[in-house]
Amino acid sequence: MLASKEAHFSALQALDEKRSDGHQRTLAEIAYIDQLLAAHSACVADFSRLMRELGASDKTAQGALLSAITQLNKDLGDGGSDN
């Protein structure tokens, strides 16, 4: 999820800079951003589904995984925001 999030945000930032320089976004660029967002949304949905499945089969493992992810986010400086 982190990779898909970073790809989407990086592309958005590049287009914002382009727009700030007075240029317009092309249809291809807009389609690319849409594709990146769809890919990230699919990653989030897959993660959510897998976490629900893990929770249904092993609540302890689910809690341990969430704790580990939370700690990694803090270590990476993300603060645990929506990945």
Protein backbone atom coordinates (compact mmCIF):
# COMPACT_ATOMS: atom_id res chain seq x y z
CA MET A 1 0.00 0.00 0.00
CA LEU A 2 2.82 2.38 0.77
CA ALA A 3 4.25 2.05 -2.74
CA SER A 4 0.89 2.67 -4.42
CA LYS A 5 0.22 5.63 -2.12
CA GLU A 6 3.63 7.14 -2.85
CA ALA A 7 3.21 6.65 -6.61
CA HIS A 8 -0.18 8.37 -6.56
CA PHE A 9 0.96 11.28 -4.39
CA SER A 10 4.15 11.78 -6.41
CA ALA A 11 2.19 11.95 -9.65
CA LEU A 12 -0.30 14.37 -8.09
CA GLN A 13 2.54 16.56 -6.88
CA ALA A 14 4.12 16.62 -10.34
CA LEU A 15 0.83 17.67 -11.90
CA ASP A 16 0.31 20.35 -9.25
CA GLU A 17 3.74 21.75 -10.04
CA LYS A 18 2.92 21.68 -13.75
CA ARG A 19 -0.34 23.53 -13.11
CA SER A 20 1.45 26.05 -10.88
CA ASP A 21 3.78 26.78 -13.79
CA GLY A 22 0.74 27.69 -15.89
CA HIS A 23 0.46 24.46 -17.85
CA GLN A 24 -2.64 22.35 -18.24
CA ARG A 25 -2.91 18.66 -17.47
CA THR A 26 -3.33 16.37 -20.46
CA LEU A 27 -6.00 13.71 -20.72
CA ALA A 28 -3.25 11.08 -20.56
CA GLU A 29 -1.96 12.54 -17.30
CA ILE A 30 -5.43 12.60 -15.81
CA ALA A 31 -5.98 8.99 -16.88
CA TYR A 32 -2.64 8.02 -15.34
CA ILE A 33 -3.59 9.64 -12.02
CA ASP A 34 -6.93 7.83 -12.12
CA GLN A 35 -5.11 4.54 -12.77
CA LEU A 36 -2.77 5.11 -9.84
CA LEU A 37 -5.68 5.92 -7.54
CA ALA A 38 -7.53 2.78 -8.66
CA ALA A 39 -4.43 0.69 -7.99
CA HIS A 40 -4.04 2.17 -4.52
CA SER A 41 -7.74 1.69 -3.77
CA ALA A 42 -7.41 -1.97 -4.77
CA CYS A 43 -4.43 -2.36 -2.41
CA VAL A 44 -6.40 -0.82 0.45
CA ALA A 45 -9.40 -3.06 -0.24
CA ASP A 46 -7.19 -6.17 -0.37
CA PHE A 47 -5.48 -5.22 2.88
CA SER A 48 -8.81 -4.60 4.59
CA ARG A 49 -10.18 -7.93 3.41
CA LEU A 50 -7.09 -9.81 4.53
CA MET A 51 -7.12 -8.10 7.93
CA ARG A 52 -10.78 -9.08 8.42
CA GLU A 53 -9.95 -12.67 7.47
CA LEU A 54 -7.00 -12.71 9.86
CA GLY A 55 -9.17 -11.29 12.63
CA ALA A 56 -11.79 -13.95 12.05
CA SER A 57 -9.22 -16.73 12.33
CA ASP A 58 -6.72 -15.33 14.87
CA LYS A 59 -7.44 -12.14 16.81
CA THR A 60 -4.05 -12.29 18.56
CA ALA A 61 -2.16 -12.40 15.26
CA GLN A 62 -4.30 -9.57 13.89
CA GLY A 63 -3.51 -7.42 16.94
CA ALA A 64 0.19 -8.20 16.69
CA LEU A 65 0.25 -7.31 13.01
CA LEU A 66 -1.58 -4.02 13.61
CA SER A 67 0.86 -3.15 16.40
CA ALA A 68 3.82 -3.93 14.15
CA ILE A 69 2.39 -1.82 11.31
CA THR A 70 1.70 1.06 13.69
CA GLN A 71 5.27 0.94 14.97
CA LEU A 72 6.69 0.80 11.44
CA ASN A 73 4.63 3.83 10.46
CA LYS A 74 5.97 5.73 13.46
CA ASP A 75 9.54 4.66 12.64
CA LEU A 76 9.09 5.79 9.05
CA GLY A 77 7.75 9.14 10.21
CA ASP A 78 4.27 8.56 8.83
CA GLY A 79 2.59 8.79 12.22
CA GLY A 80 0.21 5.97 11.35
CA SER A 81 -1.81 7.92 8.82
CA ASP A 82 -3.98 6.21 6.20
CA ASN A 83 -1.67 4.00 4.16
